[in-house]
Amino acid sequence: MNWSERAVQAWQVLVGAAHQRQTLTYTLLADRIGVDGADLAQPLRMITRYCSMKQLPPLAVLVVRADAGTPATDMTWATDVDFAREAVYQLEWFKLKPPASQDFALLESMGFGEPAA
């Protein structure tokens, strides 16, 4: 499975978590989509970029470190994590057309899935 397909899987899990007003640890998300926790960075970057381009709240804010209960420090999409998380919870994600793997692949081909330098 490629990164774009993994991003779709993660999106689905995160939308469900948003609907339930839940956060997920990196380990739990990795287990749910069948990857190693280290393999979440690229799909989460893609989701973050997609949300930014579509002017959606940062869905990846729901993924938190088990030791701190906060998103990874390299996720720079929000200065106020609590505000961002509440915005994610408030949006009716199931009413939106979900992204397809092609949407994420397009971002990647444009260089938007790569880590910031």
N, C-alpha and C. Protein backbone atom coordinates (compact mmCIF):
# COMPACT_ATOMS: atom_id res chain seq x y z
N MET A 1 0.85 -1.17 0.00
CA MET A 1 0.00 0.00 0.00
C MET A 1 0.90 1.24 0.00
N ASN A 2 0.55 2.26 -0.78
CA ASN A 2 1.38 3.46 -0.86
C ASN A 2 0.93 4.50 0.19
N TRP A 3 1.69 5.62 0.27
CA TRP A 3 1.41 6.64 1.27
C TRP A 3 0.02 7.25 1.10
N SER A 4 -0.39 7.46 -0.14
CA SER A 4 -1.70 8.05 -0.39
C SER A 4 -2.82 7.16 0.12
N GLU A 5 -2.67 5.87 -0.09
CA GLU A 5 -3.69 4.92 0.40
C GLU A 5 -3.67 4.86 1.93
N ARG A 6 -2.49 4.96 2.52
CA ARG A 6 -2.40 4.99 3.99
C ARG A 6 -3.05 6.27 4.53
N ALA A 7 -2.90 7.37 3.82
CA ALA A 7 -3.53 8.63 4.25
C ALA A 7 -5.05 8.49 4.24
N VAL A 8 -5.59 7.80 3.24
CA VAL A 8 -7.04 7.57 3.19
C VAL A 8 -7.48 6.74 4.39
N GLN A 9 -6.73 5.70 4.70
CA GLN A 9 -7.07 4.88 5.86
C GLN A 9 -7.06 5.71 7.14
N ALA A 10 -5.99 6.48 7.32
CA ALA A 10 -5.88 7.30 8.53
C ALA A 10 -7.01 8.32 8.58
N TRP A 11 -7.34 8.92 7.44
CA TRP A 11 -8.44 9.89 7.37
C TRP A 11 -9.73 9.26 7.91
N GLN A 12 -10.03 8.06 7.46
CA GLN A 12 -11.26 7.39 7.88
C GLN A 12 -11.30 7.19 9.39
N VAL A 13 -10.20 6.74 9.95
CA VAL A 13 -10.13 6.52 11.39
C VAL A 13 -10.26 7.85 12.14
N LEU A 14 -9.59 8.89 11.64
CA LEU A 14 -9.63 10.18 12.32
C LEU A 14 -11.00 10.83 12.25
N VAL A 15 -11.69 10.68 11.15
CA VAL A 15 -13.05 11.22 11.04
C VAL A 15 -13.97 10.54 12.06
N GLY A 16 -13.82 9.24 12.21
CA GLY A 16 -14.59 8.52 13.22
C GLY A 16 -14.27 9.02 14.63
N ALA A 17 -13.00 9.27 14.89
CA ALA A 17 -12.59 9.78 16.20
C ALA A 17 -13.16 11.18 16.42
N ALA A 18 -13.14 12.01 15.38
CA ALA A 18 -13.69 13.37 15.50
C ALA A 18 -15.18 13.31 15.84
N HIS A 19 -15.88 12.41 15.19
CA HIS A 19 -17.31 12.27 15.44
C HIS A 19 -17.58 11.88 16.90
N GLN A 20 -16.68 11.08 17.47
CA GLN A 20 -16.83 10.63 18.86
C GLN A 20 -16.13 11.55 19.87
N ARG A 21 -15.55 12.66 19.36
CA ARG A 21 -14.81 13.60 20.19
C ARG A 21 -13.67 12.91 20.94
N GLN A 22 -12.90 12.12 20.22
CA GLN A 22 -11.80 11.36 20.80
C GLN A 22 -10.47 11.79 20.19
N THR A 23 -9.41 11.56 20.95
CA THR A 23 -8.07 11.63 20.40
C THR A 23 -7.55 10.20 20.33
N LEU A 24 -6.53 10.00 19.51
CA LEU A 24 -5.91 8.69 19.36
C LEU A 24 -4.41 8.85 19.53
N THR A 25 -3.78 7.88 20.18
CA THR A 25 -2.32 7.91 20.24
C THR A 25 -1.79 7.44 18.89
N TYR A 26 -0.53 7.79 18.64
CA TYR A 26 0.12 7.34 17.41
C TYR A 26 0.09 5.82 17.33
N THR A 27 0.32 5.15 18.46
CA THR A 27 0.32 3.69 18.49
C THR A 27 -1.04 3.12 18.13
N LEU A 28 -2.09 3.70 18.69
CA LEU A 28 -3.44 3.21 18.40
C LEU A 28 -3.80 3.41 16.93
N LEU A 29 -3.50 4.59 16.38
CA LEU A 29 -3.78 4.83 14.97
C LEU A 29 -2.99 3.87 14.10
N ALA A 30 -1.72 3.67 14.42
CA ALA A 30 -0.88 2.75 13.65
C ALA A 30 -1.46 1.34 13.69
N ASP A 31 -1.90 0.90 14.85
CA ASP A 31 -2.52 -0.43 14.97
C ASP A 31 -3.79 -0.53 14.14
N ARG A 32 -4.60 0.51 14.16
CA ARG A 32 -5.88 0.48 13.43
C ARG A 32 -5.70 0.38 11.93
N ILE A 33 -4.63 0.98 11.40
CA ILE A 33 -4.45 0.93 9.94
C ILE A 33 -3.37 -0.06 9.53
N GLY A 34 -2.77 -0.75 10.50
CA GLY A 34 -1.84 -1.83 10.20
C GLY A 34 -0.46 -1.39 9.76
N VAL A 35 0.07 -0.34 10.39
CA VAL A 35 1.43 0.10 10.08
C VAL A 35 2.22 0.27 11.38
N ASP A 36 3.51 0.45 11.23
CA ASP A 36 4.37 0.78 12.35
C ASP A 36 4.16 2.26 12.66
N GLY A 37 4.26 2.63 13.91
CA GLY A 37 4.06 4.02 14.30
C GLY A 37 4.96 5.00 13.56
N ALA A 38 6.15 4.57 13.22
CA ALA A 38 7.09 5.43 12.49
C ALA A 38 6.60 5.72 11.07
N ASP A 39 5.69 4.90 10.58
CA ASP A 39 5.16 5.08 9.22
C ASP A 39 3.95 6.01 9.16
N LEU A 40 3.62 6.67 10.25
CA LEU A 40 2.48 7.58 10.25
C LEU A 40 2.84 9.00 9.81
N ALA A 41 4.09 9.36 9.88
CA ALA A 41 4.48 10.75 9.60
C ALA A 41 4.02 11.20 8.22
N GLN A 42 4.31 10.42 7.20
CA GLN A 42 3.97 10.84 5.84
C GLN A 42 2.45 10.94 5.64
N PRO A 43 1.67 9.92 5.99
CA PRO A 43 0.21 10.07 5.83
C PRO A 43 -0.37 11.25 6.63
N LEU A 44 0.13 11.48 7.83
CA LEU A 44 -0.38 12.60 8.63
C LEU A 44 0.01 13.94 8.03
N ARG A 45 1.20 14.03 7.44
CA ARG A 45 1.58 15.26 6.74
C ARG A 45 0.65 15.51 5.57
N MET A 46 0.32 14.44 4.84
CA MET A 46 -0.57 14.57 3.69
C MET A 46 -1.96 15.04 4.13
N ILE A 47 -2.45 14.48 5.21
CA ILE A 47 -3.76 14.88 5.75
C ILE A 47 -3.71 16.34 6.19
N THR A 48 -2.64 16.73 6.85
CA THR A 48 -2.50 18.10 7.31
C THR A 48 -2.49 19.07 6.13
N ARG A 49 -1.74 18.74 5.09
CA ARG A 49 -1.67 19.61 3.90
C ARG A 49 -3.03 19.68 3.19
N TYR A 50 -3.69 18.55 3.09
CA TYR A 50 -5.01 18.51 2.45
C TYR A 50 -5.99 19.41 3.22
N CYS A 51 -6.02 19.27 4.53
CA CYS A 51 -6.91 20.10 5.34
C CYS A 51 -6.59 21.58 5.15
N SER A 52 -5.33 21.90 5.13
CA SER A 52 -4.92 23.29 4.94
C SER A 52 -5.37 23.82 3.58
N MET A 53 -5.15 23.04 2.54
CA MET A 53 -5.53 23.49 1.20
C MET A 53 -7.04 23.62 1.04
N LYS A 54 -7.79 22.79 1.73
CA LYS A 54 -9.26 22.83 1.65
C LYS A 54 -9.87 23.73 2.72
N GLN A 55 -9.03 24.39 3.49
CA GLN A 55 -9.46 25.27 4.57
C GLN A 55 -10.35 24.54 5.58
N LEU A 56 -9.90 23.35 5.94
CA LEU A 56 -10.57 22.54 6.96
C LEU A 56 -9.75 22.58 8.24
N PRO A 57 -10.38 22.34 9.38
CA PRO A 57 -9.60 22.24 10.61
C PRO A 57 -8.59 21.10 10.48
N PRO A 58 -7.48 21.18 11.20
CA PRO A 58 -6.40 20.19 11.06
C PRO A 58 -6.73 18.85 11.71
N LEU A 59 -7.29 17.96 10.94
CA LEU A 59 -7.76 16.66 11.44
C LEU A 59 -6.67 15.89 12.19
N ALA A 60 -5.42 16.04 11.77
CA ALA A 60 -4.32 15.30 12.41
C ALA A 60 -4.05 15.75 13.85
N VAL A 61 -4.69 16.85 14.28
CA VAL A 61 -4.52 17.30 15.66
C VAL A 61 -5.05 16.26 16.65
N LEU A 62 -5.85 15.34 16.18
CA LEU A 62 -6.42 14.31 17.05
C LEU A 62 -5.42 13.21 17.40
N VAL A 63 -4.29 13.18 16.73
CA VAL A 63 -3.28 12.16 17.00
C VAL A 63 -2.29 12.73 18.00
N VAL A 64 -2.17 12.05 19.14
CA VAL A 64 -1.37 12.58 20.24
C VAL A 64 -0.33 11.58 20.73
N ARG A 65 0.68 12.12 21.37
CA ARG A 65 1.72 11.29 22.00
C ARG A 65 1.15 10.69 23.27
N ALA A 66 1.42 9.42 23.50
CA ALA A 66 0.90 8.75 24.69
C ALA A 66 1.47 9.34 25.97
N ASP A 67 2.72 9.79 25.94
CA ASP A 67 3.35 10.30 27.15
C ASP A 67 2.92 11.71 27.53
N ALA A 68 2.46 12.49 26.54
CA ALA A 68 2.13 13.89 26.82
C ALA A 68 0.68 14.25 26.53
N GLY A 69 0.01 13.45 25.70
CA GLY A 69 -1.37 13.77 25.33
C GLY A 69 -1.48 14.93 24.37
N THR A 70 -0.36 15.25 23.71
CA THR A 70 -0.33 16.36 22.76
C THR A 70 0.19 15.87 21.41
N PRO A 71 -0.15 16.57 20.34
CA PRO A 71 0.38 16.19 19.03
C PRO A 71 1.91 16.33 19.00
N ALA A 72 2.53 15.67 18.06
CA ALA A 72 3.98 15.77 17.90
C ALA A 72 4.39 17.22 17.67
N THR A 73 5.56 17.56 18.16
CA THR A 73 6.01 18.95 18.06
C THR A 73 6.33 19.36 16.63
N ASP A 74 6.56 18.40 15.73
CA ASP A 74 6.87 18.77 14.34
C ASP A 74 5.61 19.07 13.52
N MET A 75 4.45 18.91 14.10
CA MET A 75 3.21 19.28 13.43
C MET A 75 2.95 20.76 13.74
N THR A 76 3.20 21.62 12.78
CA THR A 76 3.19 23.06 13.02
C THR A 76 1.94 23.74 12.48
N TRP A 77 0.85 23.05 12.35
CA TRP A 77 -0.36 23.59 11.75
C TRP A 77 -1.18 24.43 12.68
N ALA A 78 -0.89 24.39 13.97
CA ALA A 78 -1.75 25.15 14.89
C ALA A 78 -0.92 25.69 16.05
N THR A 79 -1.21 26.90 16.43
CA THR A 79 -0.55 27.46 17.60
C THR A 79 -1.37 27.18 18.86
N ASP A 80 -2.67 27.05 18.71
CA ASP A 80 -3.54 26.75 19.84
C ASP A 80 -4.16 25.37 19.60
N VAL A 81 -3.54 24.37 20.17
CA VAL A 81 -3.97 22.99 19.93
C VAL A 81 -5.40 22.75 20.41
N ASP A 82 -5.75 23.29 21.54
CA ASP A 82 -7.11 23.09 22.07
C ASP A 82 -8.16 23.69 21.13
N PHE A 83 -7.88 24.89 20.62
CA PHE A 83 -8.80 25.53 19.69
C PHE A 83 -8.92 24.70 18.41
N ALA A 84 -7.79 24.23 17.90
CA ALA A 84 -7.78 23.42 16.67
C ALA A 84 -8.56 22.12 16.88
N ARG A 85 -8.35 21.47 18.02
CA ARG A 85 -9.06 20.22 18.30
C ARG A 85 -10.56 20.46 18.38
N GLU A 86 -10.97 21.53 19.03
CA GLU A 86 -12.41 21.83 19.13
C GLU A 86 -12.99 22.11 17.76
N ALA A 87 -12.26 22.79 16.89
CA ALA A 87 -12.73 23.04 15.52
C ALA A 87 -12.91 21.72 14.78
N VAL A 88 -12.00 20.79 14.99
CA VAL A 88 -12.13 19.46 14.37
C VAL A 88 -13.38 18.77 14.88
N TYR A 89 -13.61 18.81 16.18
CA TYR A 89 -14.79 18.18 16.76
C TYR A 89 -16.09 18.79 16.24
N GLN A 90 -16.10 20.08 16.00
CA GLN A 90 -17.32 20.78 15.60
C GLN A 90 -17.72 20.53 14.14
N LEU A 91 -16.74 20.25 13.29
CA LEU A 91 -17.06 20.07 11.88
C LEU A 91 -17.79 18.74 11.66
N GLU A 92 -18.78 18.75 10.79
CA GLU A 92 -19.53 17.53 10.48
C GLU A 92 -18.83 16.83 9.31
N TRP A 93 -17.77 16.10 9.64
CA TRP A 93 -16.89 15.48 8.65
C TRP A 93 -17.62 14.50 7.74
N PHE A 94 -18.60 13.79 8.28
CA PHE A 94 -19.29 12.79 7.47
C PHE A 94 -20.13 13.42 6.36
N LYS A 95 -20.39 14.70 6.45
CA LYS A 95 -21.15 15.38 5.41
C LYS A 95 -20.26 15.87 4.26
N LEU A 96 -18.95 15.77 4.43
CA LEU A 96 -18.01 16.18 3.39
C LEU A 96 -17.66 15.01 2.48
N LYS A 97 -17.32 15.33 1.25
CA LYS A 97 -16.80 14.29 0.36
C LYS A 97 -15.39 13.95 0.84
N PRO A 98 -15.14 12.70 1.18
CA PRO A 98 -13.81 12.35 1.69
C PRO A 98 -12.78 12.34 0.56
N PRO A 99 -11.54 12.63 0.88
CA PRO A 99 -10.50 12.59 -0.14
C PRO A 99 -10.24 11.15 -0.58
N ALA A 100 -9.88 11.00 -1.83
CA ALA A 100 -9.47 9.71 -2.38
C ALA A 100 -7.95 9.65 -2.40
N SER A 101 -7.41 8.48 -2.61
CA SER A 101 -5.95 8.35 -2.64
C SER A 101 -5.36 9.24 -3.73
N GLN A 102 -6.10 9.47 -4.81
CA GLN A 102 -5.61 10.34 -5.89
C GLN A 102 -5.43 11.78 -5.40
N ASP A 103 -6.30 12.22 -4.50
CA ASP A 103 -6.18 13.57 -3.95
C ASP A 103 -4.87 13.72 -3.18
N PHE A 104 -4.56 12.72 -2.38
CA PHE A 104 -3.32 12.76 -1.62
C PHE A 104 -2.12 12.56 -2.54
N ALA A 105 -2.25 11.72 -3.55
CA ALA A 105 -1.16 11.50 -4.50
C ALA A 105 -0.84 12.79 -5.25
N LEU A 106 -1.85 13.56 -5.58
CA LEU A 106 -1.64 14.84 -6.26
C LEU A 106 -0.83 15.79 -5.37
N LEU A 107 -1.17 15.85 -4.09
CA LEU A 107 -0.41 16.68 -3.16
C LEU A 107 1.04 16.23 -3.12
N GLU A 108 1.24 14.91 -3.06
CA GLU A 108 2.59 14.37 -2.99
C GLU A 108 3.37 14.71 -4.26
N SER A 109 2.73 14.61 -5.42
CA SER A 109 3.41 14.91 -6.68
C SER A 109 3.77 16.39 -6.80
N MET A 110 3.02 17.23 -6.09
CA MET A 110 3.30 18.67 -6.08
C MET A 110 4.32 19.03 -5.01
N GLY A 111 4.78 18.03 -4.25
CA GLY A 111 5.74 18.28 -3.20
C GLY A 111 5.13 18.67 -1.88
N PHE A 112 3.81 18.58 -1.76
CA PHE A 112 3.14 18.98 -0.52
C PHE A 112 3.07 17.88 0.51
N GLY A 113 3.49 16.68 0.17
CA GLY A 113 3.50 15.61 1.16
C GLY A 113 4.83 15.45 1.83
N GLU A 114 5.82 16.21 1.35
CA GLU A 114 7.18 16.09 1.88
C GLU A 114 7.33 16.86 3.17
N PRO A 115 8.26 16.42 4.01
CA PRO A 115 8.51 17.17 5.24
C PRO A 115 9.02 18.56 4.92
N ALA A 116 8.67 19.49 5.76
CA ALA A 116 9.15 20.87 5.58
C ALA A 116 10.65 20.91 5.83
N ALA A 117 11.35 21.71 5.05
CA ALA A 117 12.81 21.80 5.19
C ALA A 117 13.19 22.77 6.29
